[in-house]
């Protein structure tokens, strides 16, 4: 995992705790995207998926 991605996740989680209700959906979407990116990195590292095209 990259340090930058982990830092981004922590920053978004902090923002989500103290955000304006109007911004909540946008911040949650960004946080969900960061979680998905982290899951792909972990899966690639563990060999569950390959980042190379199938052909």
N, C-alpha and C. Protein backbone atom coordinates (compact mmCIF):
# COMPACT_ATOMS: atom_id res chain seq x y z
N UNK A 1 0.83 -1.17 0.00
CA UNK A 1 0.00 0.00 0.00
C UNK A 1 0.88 1.24 0.00
N UNK A 2 0.35 2.23 -0.59
CA UNK A 2 1.13 3.45 -0.62
C UNK A 2 0.79 4.33 0.56
N UNK A 3 1.79 5.01 1.02
CA UNK A 3 1.61 5.92 2.14
C UNK A 3 0.63 7.03 1.76
N UNK A 4 0.74 7.53 0.54
CA UNK A 4 -0.12 8.63 0.09
C UNK A 4 -1.59 8.21 0.11
N UNK A 5 -1.89 7.01 -0.34
CA UNK A 5 -3.28 6.53 -0.35
C UNK A 5 -3.81 6.39 1.07
N UNK A 6 -3.01 5.84 1.96
CA UNK A 6 -3.43 5.71 3.36
C UNK A 6 -3.67 7.07 3.99
N UNK A 7 -2.79 8.03 3.69
CA UNK A 7 -2.96 9.39 4.22
C UNK A 7 -4.24 10.03 3.68
N UNK A 8 -4.51 9.80 2.41
CA UNK A 8 -5.73 10.33 1.79
C UNK A 8 -6.96 9.75 2.47
N UNK A 9 -6.95 8.45 2.73
CA UNK A 9 -8.09 7.81 3.39
C UNK A 9 -8.30 8.42 4.78
N UNK A 10 -7.24 8.58 5.53
CA UNK A 10 -7.38 9.16 6.87
C UNK A 10 -7.88 10.59 6.81
N UNK A 11 -7.40 11.35 5.83
CA UNK A 11 -7.85 12.74 5.68
C UNK A 11 -9.33 12.79 5.33
N UNK A 12 -9.77 11.94 4.42
CA UNK A 12 -11.18 11.90 4.03
C UNK A 12 -12.06 11.46 5.19
N UNK A 13 -11.59 10.50 5.98
CA UNK A 13 -12.37 10.07 7.14
C UNK A 13 -12.52 11.21 8.14
N UNK A 14 -11.46 11.99 8.35
CA UNK A 14 -11.54 13.13 9.25
C UNK A 14 -12.49 14.19 8.70
N UNK A 15 -12.41 14.45 7.41
CA UNK A 15 -13.32 15.41 6.78
C UNK A 15 -14.77 14.96 6.93
N UNK A 16 -15.01 13.68 6.76
CA UNK A 16 -16.36 13.15 6.83
C UNK A 16 -16.97 13.34 8.22
N UNK A 17 -16.13 13.24 9.24
CA UNK A 17 -16.63 13.42 10.62
C UNK A 17 -17.05 14.85 10.90
N UNK A 18 -16.47 15.81 10.17
CA UNK A 18 -16.71 17.22 10.49
C UNK A 18 -17.19 18.02 9.28
N UNK A 19 -17.87 17.38 8.36
CA UNK A 19 -18.26 18.08 7.14
C UNK A 19 -19.67 18.64 7.23
N UNK A 20 -19.91 19.55 6.33
CA UNK A 20 -21.24 20.11 6.13
C UNK A 20 -22.09 19.03 5.48
N UNK A 21 -23.34 18.88 5.88
CA UNK A 21 -24.20 17.84 5.29
C UNK A 21 -24.27 17.91 3.76
N UNK A 22 -24.15 19.09 3.20
CA UNK A 22 -24.21 19.22 1.74
C UNK A 22 -22.98 18.60 1.08
N UNK A 23 -21.86 18.51 1.79
CA UNK A 23 -20.63 17.95 1.23
C UNK A 23 -20.49 16.46 1.52
N UNK A 24 -21.31 15.93 2.37
CA UNK A 24 -21.16 14.56 2.85
C UNK A 24 -21.14 13.52 1.72
N UNK A 25 -22.05 13.62 0.78
CA UNK A 25 -22.12 12.64 -0.31
C UNK A 25 -20.85 12.66 -1.16
N UNK A 26 -20.34 13.85 -1.45
CA UNK A 26 -19.12 13.96 -2.26
C UNK A 26 -17.92 13.36 -1.53
N UNK A 27 -17.77 13.68 -0.26
CA UNK A 27 -16.65 13.15 0.51
C UNK A 27 -16.77 11.64 0.65
N UNK A 28 -17.98 11.13 0.87
CA UNK A 28 -18.18 9.69 0.98
C UNK A 28 -17.82 8.99 -0.33
N UNK A 29 -18.18 9.59 -1.45
CA UNK A 29 -17.84 9.01 -2.75
C UNK A 29 -16.32 8.97 -2.95
N UNK A 30 -15.63 10.02 -2.55
CA UNK A 30 -14.17 10.04 -2.65
C UNK A 30 -13.55 8.99 -1.73
N UNK A 31 -14.11 8.83 -0.56
CA UNK A 31 -13.61 7.83 0.38
C UNK A 31 -13.84 6.43 -0.15
N UNK A 32 -15.01 6.18 -0.71
CA UNK A 32 -15.30 4.86 -1.31
C UNK A 32 -14.33 4.55 -2.45
N UNK A 33 -14.00 5.55 -3.25
CA UNK A 33 -13.05 5.37 -4.35
C UNK A 33 -11.66 5.03 -3.80
N UNK A 34 -11.25 5.71 -2.75
CA UNK A 34 -9.94 5.44 -2.15
C UNK A 34 -9.89 4.03 -1.56
N UNK A 35 -10.98 3.60 -0.92
CA UNK A 35 -11.04 2.23 -0.40
C UNK A 35 -10.92 1.20 -1.53
N UNK A 36 -11.60 1.48 -2.65
CA UNK A 36 -11.55 0.57 -3.80
C UNK A 36 -10.14 0.50 -4.37
N UNK A 37 -9.48 1.63 -4.48
CA UNK A 37 -8.10 1.65 -4.97
C UNK A 37 -7.19 0.85 -4.05
N UNK A 38 -7.38 1.01 -2.75
CA UNK A 38 -6.57 0.28 -1.79
C UNK A 38 -6.81 -1.22 -1.92
N UNK A 39 -8.05 -1.63 -2.12
CA UNK A 39 -8.37 -3.05 -2.26
C UNK A 39 -7.70 -3.64 -3.50
N UNK A 40 -7.66 -2.90 -4.59
CA UNK A 40 -7.00 -3.37 -5.81
C UNK A 40 -5.51 -3.54 -5.55
N UNK A 41 -4.89 -2.59 -4.88
CA UNK A 41 -3.46 -2.68 -4.58
C UNK A 41 -3.17 -3.90 -3.72
N UNK A 42 -3.99 -4.13 -2.71
CA UNK A 42 -3.80 -5.29 -1.83
C UNK A 42 -3.99 -6.58 -2.62
N UNK A 43 -5.02 -6.65 -3.45
CA UNK A 43 -5.29 -7.85 -4.24
C UNK A 43 -4.13 -8.14 -5.20
N UNK A 44 -3.59 -7.11 -5.82
CA UNK A 44 -2.44 -7.30 -6.71
C UNK A 44 -1.24 -7.80 -5.94
N UNK A 45 -1.02 -7.22 -4.78
CA UNK A 45 0.12 -7.61 -3.95
C UNK A 45 0.01 -9.07 -3.49
N UNK A 46 -1.20 -9.49 -3.17
CA UNK A 46 -1.42 -10.86 -2.70
C UNK A 46 -1.55 -11.85 -3.86
N UNK A 47 -1.56 -11.36 -5.08
CA UNK A 47 -1.64 -12.24 -6.24
C UNK A 47 -3.04 -12.70 -6.57
N UNK A 48 -4.06 -12.07 -5.99
CA UNK A 48 -5.44 -12.45 -6.28
C UNK A 48 -5.89 -11.95 -7.65
N UNK A 49 -5.33 -10.84 -8.10
CA UNK A 49 -5.63 -10.29 -9.42
C UNK A 49 -4.33 -9.85 -10.08
N UNK A 50 -4.38 -9.71 -11.38
CA UNK A 50 -3.20 -9.28 -12.13
C UNK A 50 -3.50 -7.93 -12.75
N UNK A 51 -2.51 -7.08 -12.75
CA UNK A 51 -2.70 -5.75 -13.35
C UNK A 51 -2.44 -5.78 -14.86
N UNK A 52 -2.01 -6.93 -15.38
CA UNK A 52 -1.74 -7.05 -16.81
C UNK A 52 -3.03 -7.44 -17.55
N UNK A 53 -3.16 -6.97 -18.80
CA UNK A 53 -4.35 -7.33 -19.58
C UNK A 53 -4.38 -8.84 -19.84
N UNK A 54 -5.57 -9.40 -20.03
CA UNK A 54 -5.69 -10.86 -20.18
C UNK A 54 -5.25 -11.42 -21.52
N UNK A 55 -4.86 -10.59 -22.46
CA UNK A 55 -4.47 -11.10 -23.78
C UNK A 55 -2.98 -11.04 -23.99
